[in-house]
C-alpha atoms as a PDB file:
ATOM      1  CA  MET A   1      -0.070  -0.051  -0.078  1.00  0.00           C
ATOM      2  CA  ASP A   2       1.248   3.303  -0.977  1.00  0.00           C
ATOM      3  CA  ARG A   3       1.730   6.225   1.649  1.00  0.00           C
ATOM      4  CA  ARG A   4      -0.919   9.000   1.444  1.00  0.00           C
ATOM      5  CA  ASN A   5       0.235  12.403   1.441  1.00  0.00           C
ATOM      6  CA  SER A   6      -1.774  15.142   3.696  1.00  0.00           C
ATOM      7  CA  LEU A   7      -3.456  16.318   0.407  1.00  0.00           C
ATOM      8  CA  GLU A   8      -4.941  13.087  -0.103  1.00  0.00           C
ATOM      9  CA  ILE A   9      -6.077  12.362   3.285  1.00  0.00           C
ATOM     10  CA  THR A  10      -7.573  16.012   3.496  1.00  0.00           C
ATOM     11  CA  ALA A  11      -9.456  15.241   0.032  1.00  0.00           C
ATOM     12  CA  LYS A  12     -10.858  11.949   1.418  1.00  0.00           C
ATOM     13  CA  ILE A  13     -12.050  13.251   4.661  1.00  0.00           C
ATOM     14  CA  LEU A  14     -13.932  16.262   2.872  1.00  0.00           C
ATOM     15  CA  GLN A  15     -15.483  13.635   0.254  1.00  0.00           C
ATOM     16  CA  ILE A  16     -16.602  11.491   3.197  1.00  0.00           C
ATOM     17  CA  ALA A  17     -18.246  14.371   4.828  1.00  0.00           C
ATOM     18  CA  GLU A  18     -19.947  16.054   1.841  1.00  0.00           C
ATOM     19  CA  LYS A  19     -23.404  14.668   3.138  1.00  0.00           C
ATOM     20  CA  GLY A  20     -22.598  14.481   6.701  1.00  0.00           C
ATOM     21  CA  ALA A  21     -20.756  11.893   8.533  1.00  0.00           C
ATOM     22  CA  LEU A  22     -19.868  10.771  12.112  1.00  0.00           C
ATOM     23  CA  ARG A  23     -16.579  10.909  13.139  1.00  0.00           C
ATOM     24  CA  SER A  24     -16.172   7.179  13.529  1.00  0.00           C
ATOM     25  CA  HIS A  25     -17.320   6.552   9.987  1.00  0.00           C
ATOM     26  CA  ILE A  26     -14.831   8.993   8.563  1.00  0.00           C
ATOM     27  CA  ALA A  27     -11.975   7.294  10.490  1.00  0.00           C
ATOM     28  CA  PHE A  28     -13.274   3.985   9.085  1.00  0.00           C
ATOM     29  CA  GLU A  29     -13.500   5.107   5.567  1.00  0.00           C
ATOM     30  CA  ALA A  30     -10.342   7.122   5.623  1.00  0.00           C
ATOM     31  CA  LYS A  31      -8.399   4.612   7.302  1.00  0.00           C
ATOM     32  CA  LEU A  32      -7.149   6.657  10.048  1.00  0.00           C
ATOM     33  CA  ASN A  33      -6.893   5.927  13.658  1.00  0.00           C
ATOM     34  CA  TYR A  34      -8.981   8.614  16.089  1.00  0.00           C
ATOM     35  CA  LYS A  35      -5.905  10.731  17.134  1.00  0.00           C
ATOM     36  CA  CYS A  36      -4.821  11.196  13.660  1.00  0.00           C
ATOM     37  CA  LEU A  37      -8.179  11.876  12.502  1.00  0.00           C
ATOM     38  CA  LYS A  38      -8.893  14.515  15.315  1.00  0.00           C
ATOM     39  CA  ASN A  39      -5.829  16.416  14.376  1.00  0.00           C
ATOM     40  CA  TYR A  40      -6.805  16.543  10.838  1.00  0.00           C
ATOM     41  CA  LEU A  41     -10.653  17.662  11.736  1.00  0.00           C
ATOM     42  CA  ASP A  42      -9.103  20.354  14.071  1.00  0.00           C
ATOM     43  CA  VAL A  43      -7.120  21.725  10.886  1.00  0.00           C
ATOM     44  CA  LEU A  44      -9.719  21.519   8.763  1.00  0.00           C
ATOM     45  CA  GLU A  45     -12.380  23.178  10.941  1.00  0.00           C
ATOM     46  CA  LYS A  46      -9.985  26.091  11.640  1.00  0.00           C
ATOM     47  CA  ARG A  47      -9.506  26.422   7.790  1.00  0.00           C
ATOM     48  CA  GLY A  48     -13.197  26.694   7.107  1.00  0.00           C
ATOM     49  CA  LEU A  49     -13.381  23.192   5.209  1.00  0.00           C
ATOM     50  CA  ILE A  50     -15.671  21.399   7.517  1.00  0.00           C
ATOM     51  CA  THR A  51     -18.217  22.253  10.300  1.00  0.00           C
ATOM     52  CA  SER A  52     -18.895  20.629  13.367  1.00  0.00           C
ATOM     53  CA  ASP A  53     -20.108  21.553  16.657  1.00  0.00           C
ATOM     54  CA  GLY A  54     -17.599  19.409  18.462  1.00  0.00           C
ATOM     55  CA  ASN A  55     -19.938  16.959  20.057  1.00  0.00           C
ATOM     56  CA  PRO A  56     -18.665  13.342  19.525  1.00  0.00           C
ATOM     57  CA  GLY A  57     -22.181  12.106  18.452  1.00  0.00           C
ATOM     58  CA  ASN A  58     -22.911  14.814  16.073  1.00  0.00           C
ATOM     59  CA  LYS A  59     -22.007  14.802  12.242  1.00  0.00           C
ATOM     60  CA  VAL A  60     -19.059  16.563  10.711  1.00  0.00           C
ATOM     61  CA  ARG A  61     -20.167  18.170   7.277  1.00  0.00           C
ATOM     62  CA  THR A  62     -17.965  19.790   4.396  1.00  0.00           C
ATOM     63  CA  THR A  63     -18.562  23.414   3.933  1.00  0.00           C
ATOM     64  CA  GLN A  64     -18.839  25.124   0.518  1.00  0.00           C
ATOM     65  CA  LYS A  65     -15.215  26.148   0.927  1.00  0.00           C
ATOM     66  CA  GLY A  66     -14.498  22.456   1.506  1.00  0.00           C
ATOM     67  CA  ARG A  67     -16.520  21.126  -1.589  1.00  0.00           C
ATOM     68  CA  LEU A  68     -14.568  23.550  -3.831  1.00  0.00           C
ATOM     69  CA  PHE A  69     -11.214  22.459  -2.460  1.00  0.00           C
ATOM     70  CA  ALA A  70     -12.201  18.962  -3.109  1.00  0.00           C
ATOM     71  CA  GLN A  71     -13.229  19.651  -6.644  1.00  0.00           C
ATOM     72  CA  GLN A  72     -10.138  21.431  -7.256  1.00  0.00           C
ATOM     73  CA  TYR A  73      -8.152  18.496  -6.139  1.00  0.00           C
ATOM     74  CA  ARG A  74      -9.990  16.109  -8.261  1.00  0.00           C
ATOM     75  CA  ASN A  75      -9.477  18.593 -11.332  1.00  0.00           C
ATOM     76  CA  LEU A  76      -5.508  18.661 -10.521  1.00  0.00           C
ATOM     77  CA  LEU A  77      -5.434  14.721 -10.398  1.00  0.00           C
ATOM     78  CA  GLN A  78      -7.472  14.634 -13.791  1.00  0.00           C
ATOM     79  CA  LEU A  79      -4.924  17.081 -15.175  1.00  0.00           C
ATOM     80  CA  LEU A  80      -2.226  14.941 -14.022  1.00  0.00           C
ATOM     81  CA  GLY A  81      -3.854  11.700 -15.434  1.00  0.00           C
ATOM     82  CA  GLN A  82      -4.378  10.279 -12.106  1.00  0.00           C
ATOM     83  CA  GLU A  83      -7.446   8.947 -10.472  1.00  0.00           C
ATOM     84  CA  GLN A  84      -8.761   9.571  -6.755  1.00  0.00           C
ATOM     85  CA  ASP A  85      -9.580   6.648  -4.746  1.00  0.00           C
ATOM     86  CA  LYS A  86     -13.250   6.120  -4.428  1.00  0.00           C
END
């Protein structure tokens, strides 16, 4: 398995959270441990790419800015002739 960079992980998290997702679901789908996921979510929320009220049982959602980031990332991959993991 290839190592992923932070952009790949960020794009995956944003994709999963697009319709709203629990942190546990994001961790499972993005193949991250909870501590690593929490670090990513903290950074993404500070940058305005996701929204969450911070309660463990509530869903994380990708913001409009986050959707734009994810779309631009997909466009870049397409330009480079690569595909994003689904």
